[in-house]
Amino acid sequence: MSALDKIYRTTQPSKFFTKGWGKPDTLMRLIENFTLVSRRERFSRLFAHSTDSKLPIVMERRTEHKNMVLLEGAFVSPFDHHIPRIMTAENRIARFQVILPKEWTTKYRPICLHFAGTGDHTYSRRRYFLANRLLNDGIGSIIIMNPFYWKRKPEDQKGSSLNYVSDLFVMGGALITESYSLLRWCEENGYGPLALHGISMGGYMASLCATVWPKPISLIPCLSWSTASLVFVDGILSQAVDWPTLTKQYFSDSVYSDVIRSLIQPSVPARYRCRRSEKQNRGEPIAGRPLSATSPRPTGEILGSGAPLPNATFPTQTDSERPDLTLSCSPSQMSRTTDFAPEHTLESPTGDKVGSSGSSHASAPQHNGSKSIFLDLHATELIRKFPILSSLKRIHLGTMIPSWGFPEYLKHPLDASLWNSGISLVRSLPDSWLSSSTVPDPEVREFMRELLDYFTHLGNFSPLIDPHLVLAVTAEHDAYIPRDGVVSLTEVFPGSEVRVLPQSGHIGAYVRNAVWTKDFHQAITDCLNRQIESHLGEPGCLGTAKSKKENADESTKKD
């Protein structure tokens, strides 16, 4: 389990679900209408005939910058039409920002939709740390404002902590319908190929939204997995759940145990069930399973006719065509993944070969001579001057500009000495030492797991048209998203690829990618190139083509 994940959690005192499960009527309406978003065929039929889905997307603002155009728009969430009064007045207006390059570097106009992680309320963090960088690869972006966040946040909600468990399911349903509207808008305006991406909670939401799209689409979920129950039941964030309130409400109103619980059975399809470990059954947070490199991504069958966008025709698939798999949750089944080792390597200040992800693939960094003393001194000084708790509060990641230079001599101490090896003592501390949370009642905890599995387990949703276009990025020691006891993402999406960031936790992987590495950025570019190769019959050109200005500058230099 990542030490940084443990410590960061202690700096966040807020509690989730302080007002309980949600009104029984709300939960039952969500259960009754679940197939609206979990079955692609029904979703497509309702969306095609819904007058509300044809309401215009209004662009409210346009701003031009040196190399990009920013658009901001809004529309009424279709989810509010399909399940009336399920959303509050401030929540029902979907909002988004579009970031487009002034000049496209290829004949394609690819767009990636970015979903918010927990706490990512505004557009700026995703724009600075990812969308602006993708412009250099010729990729535009749409940043979606989460329901229950920023301008869509209920007045009585504190920060990012949802009041009710049911709010999480409303958020997911709303994003599924809203992203579908935005993807159609992209197609109607000649943009494509299309991709969905998110980090942490955003990765889960991106995965759910991909299941209703009737064509091949690139999916890049980062720091997420196959169900959200892991987060609030098994992960370190389970300590932030208001279990006393949920327990009191569960036992004081029998509708939760007698009615709602029976409606969500089975919460996971039989072919995706796994036996949980004894540690999980006791209600103890568990660390993510370290995933090892085994085999590369299966090539799979190439689908599509190779016609250029936007007139490409794609195969359709019914919900009944999900392959019948016999699954095992043994380590061998959980580890059909690859360590993220990009083709290009650079040499760190210590002389180690490091991929562009910034993660060393050697078992232990070797320090020699003056370089070793130099790095050790800087690491010691960094820890002395900036204790981990203070540094986390002082670093304002939402406003940092990624173009700032980051000293090379700080990268290694932060990556290795501080975030992993340097605080091995903290990693060994019992979880109970870092939390005052009590162990929840087993029945209440199991109800929470079943409820979350029912609404978020990817096995309950339609299969993707082309699962080979899934490229996930995970952290080896993720304490927020443990991977024990559930099926692998590669089992739910056969043929998908999982890249593992070695010696990294949830928070460390996020911060490193925000500041200096580009694991998530590279995964998006690679996955869109994969779609171009598989479905348009051409070599992937994103991230390699030069802009007209760059070519002109080179010609001038030659002259």
Protein backbone atom coordinates (compact mmCIF):
# COMPACT_ATOMS: atom_id res chain seq x y z
CA MET A 1 0.00 0.00 0.00
CA SER A 2 1.36 3.45 -0.93
CA ALA A 3 2.60 5.44 2.05
CA LEU A 4 1.67 8.69 0.32
CA ASP A 5 -1.90 7.45 -0.14
CA LYS A 6 -2.09 6.67 3.59
CA ILE A 7 -0.78 10.06 4.65
CA TYR A 8 -2.78 12.10 2.15
CA ARG A 9 -5.98 10.48 3.36
CA THR A 10 -5.31 11.75 6.90
CA THR A 11 -5.19 15.34 5.59
CA GLN A 12 -8.75 15.08 4.23
CA PRO A 13 -11.15 15.12 7.22
CA SER A 14 -14.37 15.33 5.20
CA LYS A 15 -16.90 12.49 5.30
CA PHE A 16 -18.95 11.01 2.47
CA PHE A 17 -22.69 10.27 2.64
CA THR A 18 -23.32 12.18 5.88
CA LYS A 19 -27.06 12.27 5.16
CA GLY A 20 -27.42 8.57 4.47
CA TRP A 21 -28.35 6.27 1.63
CA GLY A 22 -30.83 8.58 -0.04
CA LYS A 23 -34.59 8.51 0.01
CA PRO A 24 -35.95 4.99 -0.57
CA ASP A 25 -38.14 6.35 -3.36
CA THR A 26 -35.09 7.81 -5.11
CA LEU A 27 -33.18 4.53 -4.91
CA MET A 28 -36.15 2.52 -6.16
CA ARG A 29 -36.67 4.88 -9.11
CA LEU A 30 -33.00 4.55 -10.01
CA ILE A 31 -33.22 0.75 -9.82
CA GLU A 32 -36.40 0.72 -11.89
CA ASN A 33 -34.77 2.81 -14.63
CA PHE A 34 -31.33 1.23 -14.46
CA THR A 35 -31.64 -0.57 -17.79
CA LEU A 36 -32.12 2.82 -19.43
CA VAL A 37 -28.38 3.41 -19.09
CA SER A 38 -27.08 -0.15 -18.71
CA ARG A 39 -28.57 -1.56 -21.94
CA ARG A 40 -27.31 0.12 -25.08
CA GLU A 41 -30.23 -0.95 -27.27
CA ARG A 42 -32.84 0.52 -24.93
CA PHE A 43 -30.76 3.63 -24.41
CA SER A 44 -30.41 4.22 -28.15
CA ARG A 45 -34.14 3.75 -28.77
CA LEU A 46 -35.17 6.14 -26.03
CA PHE A 47 -32.57 8.70 -27.03
CA ALA A 48 -33.59 8.54 -30.68
CA HIS A 49 -37.26 9.25 -29.93
CA SER A 50 -36.79 11.67 -27.04
CA THR A 51 -37.62 15.29 -27.81
CA ASP A 52 -35.50 16.37 -24.86
CA SER A 53 -32.40 14.78 -26.35
CA LYS A 54 -32.78 17.07 -29.35
CA LEU A 55 -32.61 20.25 -27.27
CA PRO A 56 -29.79 22.45 -28.55
CA ILE A 57 -26.34 22.60 -27.05
CA VAL A 58 -25.77 26.32 -26.54
CA MET A 59 -22.28 27.81 -26.79
CA GLU A 60 -22.19 30.63 -24.27
CA ARG A 61 -18.62 31.88 -24.71
CA ARG A 62 -15.79 31.79 -27.23
CA THR A 63 -12.21 32.84 -26.43
CA GLU A 64 -9.24 32.75 -28.80
CA HIS A 65 -5.68 32.29 -27.60
CA LYS A 66 -2.37 32.04 -29.41
CA ASN A 67 -2.65 28.38 -30.32
CA MET A 68 -6.16 27.35 -29.27
CA VAL A 69 -9.83 28.23 -29.17
CA LEU A 70 -11.86 27.85 -25.97
CA LEU A 71 -15.61 27.33 -26.09
CA GLU A 72 -17.95 27.06 -23.12
CA GLY A 73 -21.42 25.60 -23.48
CA ALA A 74 -24.42 24.26 -21.63
CA PHE A 75 -27.55 22.19 -22.16
CA VAL A 76 -30.30 20.56 -20.13
CA SER A 77 -29.24 17.12 -18.90
CA PRO A 78 -31.28 14.44 -20.73
CA PHE A 79 -31.24 12.41 -17.51
CA ASP A 80 -33.59 14.94 -15.93
CA HIS A 81 -36.10 14.26 -18.70
CA HIS A 82 -35.97 10.47 -18.48
CA ILE A 83 -36.25 10.40 -14.67
CA PRO A 84 -38.10 13.62 -13.75
CA ARG A 85 -37.28 15.38 -10.47
CA ILE A 86 -34.29 13.13 -9.82
CA MET A 87 -31.97 16.14 -10.20
CA THR A 88 -32.04 19.46 -8.37
CA ALA A 89 -32.43 22.75 -10.22
CA GLU A 90 -28.72 23.64 -10.05
CA ASN A 91 -27.74 20.11 -11.08
CA ARG A 92 -29.87 19.72 -14.19
CA ILE A 93 -27.86 22.10 -16.39
CA ALA A 94 -24.90 20.28 -17.94
CA ARG A 95 -21.84 22.46 -18.56
CA PHE A 96 -18.61 21.87 -20.45
CA GLN A 97 -15.56 23.49 -22.00
CA VAL A 98 -14.11 22.72 -25.45
CA ILE A 99 -10.40 23.18 -26.19
CA LEU A 100 -9.54 23.11 -29.90
CA PRO A 101 -6.26 23.76 -31.71
CA LYS A 102 -6.29 26.71 -34.09
CA GLU A 103 -4.66 24.46 -36.68
CA TRP A 104 -5.13 20.69 -36.82
CA THR A 105 -1.85 18.89 -37.42
CA THR A 106 -3.42 15.98 -39.35
CA LYS A 107 -6.45 15.42 -41.55
CA TYR A 108 -8.29 14.09 -38.49
CA ARG A 109 -9.94 16.19 -35.82
CA PRO A 110 -9.83 13.91 -32.77
CA ILE A 111 -11.60 14.86 -29.55
CA CYS A 112 -11.12 13.40 -26.07
CA LEU A 113 -13.78 13.86 -23.38
CA HIS A 114 -12.29 14.28 -19.89
CA PHE A 115 -14.28 13.27 -16.80
CA ALA A 116 -13.55 14.71 -13.37
CA GLY A 117 -11.91 12.84 -10.55
CA THR A 118 -12.99 13.36 -6.95
CA GLY A 119 -12.50 17.00 -5.99
CA ASP A 120 -11.88 18.25 -9.55
CA HIS A 121 -14.63 20.87 -9.65
CA THR A 122 -13.48 23.31 -12.32
CA TYR A 123 -12.07 23.06 -15.84
CA SER A 124 -8.62 24.46 -15.09
CA ARG A 125 -6.88 21.39 -13.65
CA ARG A 126 -7.77 19.12 -16.56
CA ARG A 127 -7.08 21.88 -19.06
CA TYR A 128 -3.61 22.82 -17.73
CA PHE A 129 -2.36 19.33 -17.03
CA LEU A 130 -3.79 17.37 -19.96
CA ALA A 131 -5.86 19.20 -22.58
CA ASN A 132 -3.19 21.83 -23.29
CA ARG A 133 -0.58 19.11 -23.74
CA LEU A 134 -2.81 17.10 -26.06
CA LEU A 135 -3.04 20.11 -28.38
CA ASN A 136 0.59 19.47 -29.30
CA ASP A 137 -0.46 16.02 -30.54
CA GLY A 138 -3.29 17.45 -32.62
CA ILE A 139 -6.01 16.33 -30.19
CA GLY A 140 -8.86 18.54 -29.00
CA SER A 141 -10.64 18.11 -25.68
CA ILE A 142 -14.02 18.49 -24.03
CA ILE A 143 -13.96 18.94 -20.26
CA ILE A 144 -17.24 18.00 -18.58
CA MET A 145 -18.39 19.59 -15.33
CA ASN A 146 -19.47 16.84 -12.97
CA PRO A 147 -22.98 16.81 -11.53
CA PHE A 148 -22.76 17.83 -7.84
CA TYR A 149 -19.58 19.84 -8.57
CA TRP A 150 -18.89 23.59 -8.87
CA LYS A 151 -21.89 25.36 -10.46
CA ARG A 152 -23.87 22.11 -10.22
CA LYS A 153 -23.20 21.59 -6.51
CA PRO A 154 -26.20 21.60 -4.13
CA GLU A 155 -26.08 24.43 -1.59
CA ASP A 156 -26.03 22.07 1.39
CA GLN A 157 -23.16 19.93 0.07
CA LYS A 158 -19.74 20.45 1.63
CA GLY A 159 -17.00 20.40 -0.98
CA SER A 160 -16.81 17.14 -2.92
CA SER A 161 -18.44 14.99 -0.24
CA LEU A 162 -21.74 13.75 -1.63
CA ASN A 163 -24.60 13.92 0.86
CA TYR A 164 -26.24 10.64 -0.14
CA VAL A 165 -25.07 7.35 -1.61
CA SER A 166 -27.78 7.77 -4.25
CA ASP A 167 -26.06 10.99 -5.43
CA LEU A 168 -23.24 8.86 -6.85
CA PHE A 169 -25.71 6.94 -9.01
CA VAL A 170 -27.46 10.11 -10.17
CA MET A 171 -24.04 11.47 -11.11
CA GLY A 172 -23.25 8.37 -13.18
CA GLY A 173 -26.61 8.27 -14.95
CA ALA A 174 -26.46 11.97 -15.76
CA LEU A 175 -22.92 11.75 -17.16
CA ILE A 176 -23.86 8.80 -19.37
CA THR A 177 -26.66 10.77 -21.04
CA GLU A 178 -24.70 14.02 -21.17
CA SER A 179 -21.57 12.48 -22.70
CA TYR A 180 -23.74 10.77 -25.31
CA SER A 181 -25.15 14.19 -26.28
CA LEU A 182 -21.65 15.64 -26.53
CA LEU A 183 -20.35 12.73 -28.61
CA ARG A 184 -23.25 13.22 -31.04
CA TRP A 185 -22.44 16.93 -31.17
CA CYS A 186 -18.85 16.03 -32.06
CA GLU A 187 -19.95 13.76 -34.90
CA GLU A 188 -22.42 16.31 -36.25
CA ASN A 189 -19.65 18.91 -36.38
CA GLY A 190 -17.12 16.65 -38.11
CA TYR A 191 -14.90 15.75 -35.17
CA GLY A 192 -13.35 12.32 -34.79
CA PRO A 193 -12.01 9.84 -33.86
CA LEU A 194 -13.42 10.14 -30.34
CA ALA A 195 -12.10 9.10 -26.94
CA LEU A 196 -13.25 9.03 -23.30
CA HIS A 197 -10.78 9.56 -20.47
CA GLY A 198 -10.86 10.08 -16.73
CA ILE A 199 -8.70 9.72 -13.65
CA SER A 200 -9.87 7.89 -10.51
CA MET A 201 -13.64 8.48 -10.27
CA GLY A 202 -13.42 10.02 -13.73
CA GLY A 203 -12.05 6.74 -15.05
CA TYR A 204 -15.08 4.87 -13.75
CA MET A 205 -17.43 7.43 -15.29
CA ALA A 206 -15.63 7.28 -18.63
CA SER A 207 -15.95 3.48 -18.65
CA LEU A 208 -19.69 3.63 -17.93
CA CYS A 209 -20.24 6.23 -20.64
CA ALA A 210 -18.39 4.15 -23.24
CA THR A 211 -20.82 1.24 -22.83
CA VAL A 212 -23.78 3.09 -24.41
CA TRP A 213 -21.93 4.46 -27.45
CA PRO A 214 -22.99 2.38 -30.50
CA LYS A 215 -19.66 2.65 -32.33
CA PRO A 216 -16.01 1.89 -31.57
CA ILE A 217 -14.56 4.49 -29.22
CA SER A 218 -11.21 4.81 -27.46
CA LEU A 219 -11.46 4.42 -23.68
CA ILE A 220 -8.61 5.42 -21.37
CA PRO A 221 -9.56 4.90 -17.70
CA CYS A 222 -6.70 5.86 -15.39
CA LEU A 223 -6.38 4.81 -11.74
CA SER A 224 -9.74 3.02 -11.78
CA TRP A 225 -10.91 -0.58 -12.15
CA SER A 226 -13.98 -2.72 -12.84
CA THR A 227 -16.27 -1.54 -10.00
CA ALA A 228 -16.53 1.43 -7.65
CA SER A 229 -17.38 -0.76 -4.66
CA LEU A 230 -13.64 -1.20 -4.15
CA VAL A 231 -13.27 2.50 -3.37
CA PHE A 232 -15.83 2.93 -0.61
CA VAL A 233 -15.78 -0.59 0.85
CA ASP A 234 -12.23 -1.94 0.52
CA GLY A 235 -10.01 1.04 -0.26
CA ILE A 236 -8.56 3.61 2.08
CA LEU A 237 -11.44 5.96 1.24
CA SER A 238 -13.75 3.58 3.11
CA GLN A 239 -12.45 5.34 6.22
CA ALA A 240 -14.06 8.55 4.95
CA VAL A 241 -17.55 7.01 4.74
CA ASP A 242 -19.99 8.06 7.47
CA TRP A 243 -20.69 4.48 8.54
CA PRO A 244 -22.52 5.40 11.81
CA THR A 245 -25.15 7.39 9.88
CA LEU A 246 -25.56 4.66 7.26
CA THR A 247 -25.83 1.97 9.93
CA LYS A 248 -28.44 3.88 11.91
CA GLN A 249 -30.53 4.53 8.81
CA TYR A 250 -30.22 0.96 7.54
CA PHE A 251 -31.49 -0.64 10.76
CA SER A 252 -34.12 2.00 11.54
CA ASP A 253 -35.93 1.63 8.20
CA SER A 254 -36.50 -1.93 7.00
CA VAL A 255 -37.15 -0.78 3.43
CA TYR A 256 -33.39 -0.84 2.79
CA SER A 257 -32.88 -4.43 3.91
CA ASP A 258 -36.26 -5.93 2.97
CA VAL A 259 -37.12 -4.14 -0.28
CA ILE A 260 -34.18 -2.37 -1.87
CA ARG A 261 -31.66 -5.11 -1.15
CA SER A 262 -33.87 -7.73 -2.79
CA LEU A 263 -34.30 -5.53 -5.88
CA ILE A 264 -30.57 -5.43 -6.59
CA GLN A 265 -29.96 -9.19 -6.53
CA PRO A 266 -27.79 -10.41 -8.06
CA SER A 267 -25.63 -7.31 -7.73
CA VAL A 268 -22.95 -8.84 -9.97
CA PRO A 269 -23.54 -11.34 -12.82
CA ALA A 270 -22.51 -14.86 -11.83
CA ARG A 271 -19.67 -15.00 -14.37
CA TYR A 272 -18.01 -11.94 -12.81
CA ARG A 273 -18.19 -12.99 -9.17
CA CYS A 274 -15.02 -13.55 -7.18
CA ARG A 275 -14.44 -14.81 -3.67
CA ARG A 276 -13.10 -12.06 -1.46
CA SER A 277 -10.21 -12.47 0.92
CA GLU A 278 -10.60 -12.85 4.66
CA LYS A 279 -9.17 -9.38 5.14
CA GLN A 280 -11.91 -7.91 2.96
CA ASN A 281 -14.60 -9.80 4.84
CA ARG A 282 -13.34 -8.31 8.10
CA GLY A 283 -13.76 -4.84 6.68
CA GLU A 284 -10.09 -3.88 6.64
CA PRO A 285 -8.75 -1.64 3.85
CA ILE A 286 -6.45 -3.57 1.53
CA ALA A 287 -3.66 -2.58 -0.77
CA GLY A 288 -3.80 -2.93 -4.52
CA ARG A 289 -2.35 -6.14 -5.91
CA PRO A 290 1.01 -5.53 -7.57
CA LEU A 291 0.51 -6.45 -11.21
CA SER A 292 3.34 -8.06 -13.11
CA ALA A 293 4.30 -7.88 -16.73
CA THR A 294 3.17 -10.94 -18.61
CA SER A 295 1.85 -10.72 -22.14
CA PRO A 296 1.25 -7.77 -24.45
CA ARG A 297 -2.17 -6.66 -25.55
CA PRO A 298 -3.87 -9.21 -27.80
CA THR A 299 -4.10 -7.94 -31.33
CA GLY A 300 -7.67 -9.11 -31.78
CA GLU A 301 -9.79 -8.86 -34.89
CA ILE A 302 -9.67 -5.60 -36.80
CA LEU A 303 -13.15 -4.22 -37.25
CA GLY A 304 -14.51 -1.57 -39.59
CA SER A 305 -14.22 -0.82 -43.26
CA GLY A 306 -11.42 1.74 -43.16
CA ALA A 307 -13.56 4.55 -44.55
CA PRO A 308 -12.43 8.06 -43.50
CA LEU A 309 -14.25 10.06 -40.85
CA PRO A 310 -16.89 11.28 -40.46
CA ASN A 311 -18.54 8.80 -42.84
CA ALA A 312 -17.03 5.67 -41.35
CA THR A 313 -19.46 2.83 -40.78
CA PHE A 314 -19.08 0.71 -37.69
CA PRO A 315 -20.44 -2.68 -36.68
CA THR A 316 -23.24 -2.87 -34.17
CA GLN A 317 -23.53 -5.31 -31.34
CA THR A 318 -26.42 -6.46 -29.20
CA ASP A 319 -26.31 -6.85 -25.44
CA SER A 320 -26.67 -10.60 -25.78
CA GLU A 321 -23.35 -10.87 -27.65
CA ARG A 322 -21.12 -10.51 -24.60
CA PRO A 323 -18.89 -13.60 -24.65
CA ASP A 324 -19.69 -16.25 -22.06
CA LEU A 325 -16.54 -16.38 -19.98
CA THR A 326 -15.53 -18.64 -17.15
CA LEU A 327 -13.55 -16.36 -14.90
CA SER A 328 -11.01 -16.90 -12.20
CA CYS A 329 -9.67 -14.33 -9.76
CA SER A 330 -6.32 -16.00 -9.32
CA PRO A 331 -3.19 -13.87 -9.72
CA SER A 332 -2.63 -15.29 -13.18
CA GLN A 333 -6.01 -14.07 -14.32
CA MET A 334 -5.57 -10.72 -12.62
CA SER A 335 -2.20 -10.05 -14.20
CA ARG A 336 -2.71 -10.00 -17.95
CA THR A 337 -1.08 -6.60 -18.02
CA THR A 338 2.09 -4.85 -19.04
CA ASP A 339 4.43 -2.56 -17.19
CA PHE A 340 4.33 0.85 -18.83
CA ALA A 341 7.69 0.94 -20.59
CA PRO A 342 7.53 3.36 -23.54
CA GLU A 343 9.84 2.92 -26.50
CA HIS A 344 11.85 6.05 -25.80
CA THR A 345 14.00 6.09 -22.69
CA LEU A 346 16.02 8.83 -21.10
CA GLU A 347 18.82 8.76 -18.60
CA SER A 348 18.08 9.98 -15.10
CA PRO A 349 20.64 11.94 -13.10
CA THR A 350 21.67 8.65 -11.52
CA GLY A 351 22.34 7.00 -14.86
CA ASP A 352 19.29 4.73 -14.68
CA LYS A 353 17.29 4.15 -17.81
CA VAL A 354 13.87 5.65 -17.29
CA GLY A 355 10.87 5.56 -19.60
CA SER A 356 9.08 8.74 -20.57
CA SER A 357 6.67 7.97 -17.78
CA GLY A 358 9.37 8.92 -15.33
CA SER A 359 9.26 5.56 -13.57
CA SER A 360 12.45 3.56 -13.26
CA HIS A 361 12.13 -0.05 -14.35
CA ALA A 362 15.20 -1.24 -12.49
CA SER A 363 14.65 -3.18 -9.32
CA ALA A 364 16.65 -0.62 -7.33
CA PRO A 365 18.30 2.61 -8.47
CA GLN A 366 22.09 2.53 -8.40
CA HIS A 367 23.86 5.60 -7.00
CA ASN A 368 27.54 6.08 -7.79
CA GLY A 369 30.16 8.63 -6.73
CA SER A 370 29.35 12.31 -6.43
CA LYS A 371 25.99 11.91 -8.15
CA SER A 372 24.77 9.68 -5.33
CA ILE A 373 25.92 12.16 -2.67
CA PHE A 374 24.35 15.01 -4.65
CA LEU A 375 20.97 13.30 -4.86
CA ASP A 376 20.98 12.10 -1.27
CA LEU A 377 21.73 15.60 -0.01
CA HIS A 378 18.90 17.07 -2.02
CA ALA A 379 16.49 14.34 -0.92
CA THR A 380 17.39 14.88 2.74
CA GLU A 381 17.11 18.64 2.41
CA LEU A 382 13.77 18.34 0.61
CA ILE A 383 12.29 16.15 3.34
CA ARG A 384 13.70 18.40 6.08
CA LYS A 385 12.34 21.59 4.56
CA PHE A 386 9.03 20.19 3.37
CA PRO A 387 7.52 17.54 5.65
CA ILE A 388 5.04 15.53 3.62
CA LEU A 389 1.92 16.90 5.27
CA SER A 390 3.02 20.49 4.83
CA SER A 391 4.14 20.01 1.25
CA LEU A 392 0.82 18.51 0.20
CA LYS A 393 -1.01 21.56 1.49
CA ARG A 394 1.45 24.04 -0.02
CA ILE A 395 1.48 22.59 -3.54
CA HIS A 396 -1.51 24.10 -5.39
CA LEU A 397 -1.82 21.59 -8.20
CA GLY A 398 -4.99 23.20 -9.61
CA THR A 399 -3.11 26.37 -10.59
CA MET A 400 0.40 25.17 -11.44
CA ILE A 401 1.41 25.60 -15.05
CA PRO A 402 2.79 22.37 -16.55
CA SER A 403 5.17 24.31 -18.77
CA TRP A 404 7.21 25.36 -15.74
CA GLY A 405 10.58 23.67 -15.68
CA PHE A 406 10.96 21.09 -12.93
CA PRO A 407 14.60 20.63 -11.81
CA GLU A 408 15.97 17.28 -12.84
CA TYR A 409 17.68 16.74 -9.48
CA LEU A 410 14.29 16.89 -7.72
CA LYS A 411 12.57 14.32 -9.88
CA HIS A 412 14.45 11.30 -8.58
CA PRO A 413 14.16 12.16 -4.85
CA LEU A 414 10.45 12.82 -5.23
CA ASP A 415 9.84 9.68 -7.27
CA ALA A 416 11.94 7.23 -5.27
CA SER A 417 13.24 8.57 -1.98
CA LEU A 418 10.21 10.51 -0.83
CA TRP A 419 7.18 8.79 -2.31
CA ASN A 420 8.27 5.20 -1.91
CA SER A 421 11.47 4.05 -0.20
CA GLY A 422 12.06 7.16 1.87
CA ILE A 423 8.90 6.67 3.93
CA SER A 424 8.86 2.90 4.20
CA LEU A 425 8.32 3.30 7.94
CA VAL A 426 4.95 4.97 7.33
CA ARG A 427 4.02 2.30 4.81
CA SER A 428 4.41 -0.33 7.50
CA LEU A 429 2.12 1.42 9.98
CA PRO A 430 -1.25 -0.25 10.58
CA ASP A 431 -4.15 1.49 8.85
CA SER A 432 -5.83 1.98 12.22
CA TRP A 433 -2.99 4.32 13.27
CA LEU A 434 -3.87 6.72 10.47
CA SER A 435 -7.62 6.74 10.98
CA SER A 436 -10.13 7.04 13.77
CA SER A 437 -12.80 5.35 11.67
CA THR A 438 -14.56 2.38 13.25
CA VAL A 439 -15.12 -0.90 11.43
CA PRO A 440 -18.64 -0.85 9.91
CA ASP A 441 -21.34 -3.37 10.68
CA PRO A 442 -20.80 -6.39 8.36
CA GLU A 443 -24.39 -6.37 7.06
CA VAL A 444 -24.33 -2.64 6.34
CA ARG A 445 -20.96 -2.97 4.67
CA GLU A 446 -22.20 -5.80 2.47
CA PHE A 447 -25.29 -3.79 1.50
CA MET A 448 -23.02 -0.92 0.48
CA ARG A 449 -20.94 -3.30 -1.64
CA GLU A 450 -24.01 -4.78 -3.34
CA LEU A 451 -25.52 -1.36 -4.02
CA LEU A 452 -22.31 0.00 -5.51
CA ASP A 453 -21.72 -3.16 -7.55
CA TYR A 454 -25.24 -3.07 -8.93
CA PHE A 455 -24.88 0.48 -10.25
CA THR A 456 -21.18 0.59 -11.16
CA HIS A 457 -19.83 -2.91 -11.90
CA LEU A 458 -18.94 -2.88 -15.59
CA GLY A 459 -20.25 -6.43 -15.93
CA ASN A 460 -23.78 -5.06 -15.46
CA PHE A 461 -23.48 -2.84 -18.55
CA SER A 462 -23.48 -3.55 -22.27
CA PRO A 463 -20.20 -4.83 -23.76
CA LEU A 464 -18.14 -2.35 -25.73
CA ILE A 465 -18.27 -2.50 -29.51
CA ASP A 466 -14.49 -2.92 -29.65
CA PRO A 467 -12.84 -3.64 -26.27
CA HIS A 468 -9.41 -3.64 -27.94
CA LEU A 469 -9.70 0.16 -27.85
CA VAL A 470 -9.47 0.15 -24.04
CA LEU A 471 -6.10 1.24 -22.66
CA ALA A 472 -6.09 1.55 -18.87
CA VAL A 473 -3.34 2.91 -16.62
CA THR A 474 -3.11 1.71 -13.01
CA ALA A 475 -0.79 2.25 -10.05
CA GLU A 476 1.01 -0.77 -8.62
CA HIS A 477 0.41 0.13 -4.95
CA ASP A 478 -2.95 1.92 -5.19
CA ALA A 479 -4.52 2.19 -1.73
CA TYR A 480 -7.62 3.96 -3.08
CA ILE A 481 -8.41 1.36 -5.75
CA PRO A 482 -7.35 -2.09 -4.47
CA ARG A 483 -7.81 -4.81 -7.07
CA ASP A 484 -8.25 -7.90 -4.89
CA GLY A 485 -11.47 -9.86 -4.95
CA VAL A 486 -12.93 -8.55 -8.23
CA VAL A 487 -12.45 -9.50 -11.85
CA SER A 488 -9.78 -7.77 -13.83
CA LEU A 489 -10.61 -5.04 -16.31
CA THR A 490 -9.16 -7.31 -18.99
CA GLU A 491 -11.84 -9.90 -18.18
CA VAL A 492 -14.72 -7.46 -18.49
CA PHE A 493 -13.16 -5.95 -21.63
CA PRO A 494 -11.42 -8.92 -23.36
CA GLY A 495 -8.46 -7.76 -25.43
CA SER A 496 -7.97 -4.53 -23.52
CA GLU A 497 -4.56 -3.35 -22.33
CA VAL A 498 -3.56 -2.37 -18.80
CA ARG A 499 -0.38 -0.39 -18.21
CA VAL A 500 0.99 -0.51 -14.67
CA LEU A 501 3.01 2.33 -13.13
CA PRO A 502 5.62 0.50 -11.02
CA GLN A 503 6.30 1.54 -7.43
CA SER A 504 3.49 4.08 -7.48
CA GLY A 505 0.39 4.78 -5.44
CA HIS A 506 -2.81 6.61 -6.34
CA ILE A 507 -1.80 10.10 -5.21
CA GLY A 508 1.79 9.77 -6.37
CA ALA A 509 0.74 8.71 -9.88
CA TYR A 510 -1.66 11.64 -10.14
CA VAL A 511 0.82 14.26 -8.91
CA ARG A 512 3.68 13.01 -11.08
CA ASN A 513 1.49 13.09 -14.18
CA ALA A 514 0.29 16.56 -13.33
CA VAL A 515 3.79 17.96 -12.93
CA TRP A 516 6.32 16.21 -15.18
CA THR A 517 5.45 12.77 -16.56
CA LYS A 518 2.98 11.94 -19.30
CA ASP A 519 1.71 8.41 -18.76
CA PHE A 520 -1.94 9.44 -19.11
CA HIS A 521 -1.22 11.78 -22.01
CA GLN A 522 0.68 9.06 -23.88
CA ALA A 523 -2.08 6.51 -23.26
CA ILE A 524 -4.68 8.82 -24.82
CA THR A 525 -2.54 9.44 -27.90
CA ASP A 526 -1.70 5.75 -28.28
CA CYS A 527 -5.33 4.67 -27.94
CA LEU A 528 -6.57 7.17 -30.53
CA ASN A 529 -3.82 6.04 -32.90
CA ARG A 530 -4.95 2.47 -32.30
CA GLN A 531 -8.47 3.45 -33.37
CA ILE A 532 -7.15 5.08 -36.54
CA GLU A 533 -5.17 1.95 -37.39
CA SER A 534 -7.93 -0.54 -36.55
CA HIS A 535 -10.99 1.20 -37.94
CA LEU A 536 -9.73 3.70 -40.50
CA GLY A 537 -7.06 1.48 -42.03
CA GLU A 538 -4.28 4.05 -41.80
CA PRO A 539 -1.12 4.40 -39.69
CA GLY A 540 -1.58 6.25 -36.44
CA CYS A 541 -0.37 9.80 -36.98
CA LEU A 542 -1.27 11.64 -33.77
CA GLY A 543 1.64 12.90 -31.74
CA THR A 544 4.05 12.45 -34.65
CA ALA A 545 2.86 14.96 -37.23
CA LYS A 546 4.32 18.47 -37.16
CA SER A 547 2.22 21.59 -37.45
CA LYS A 548 2.36 23.80 -40.51
CA LYS A 549 4.15 26.46 -38.47
CA GLU A 550 6.85 24.01 -37.32
CA ASN A 551 7.40 22.84 -40.90
CA ALA A 552 7.61 26.44 -42.08
CA ASP A 553 10.13 27.29 -39.36
CA GLU A 554 12.30 24.32 -40.34
CA SER A 555 12.18 25.32 -44.02
CA THR A 556 13.24 28.86 -43.10
CA LYS A 557 16.21 27.55 -41.09
CA LYS A 558 17.34 25.38 -44.02
CA ASP A 559 17.16 28.32 -46.41
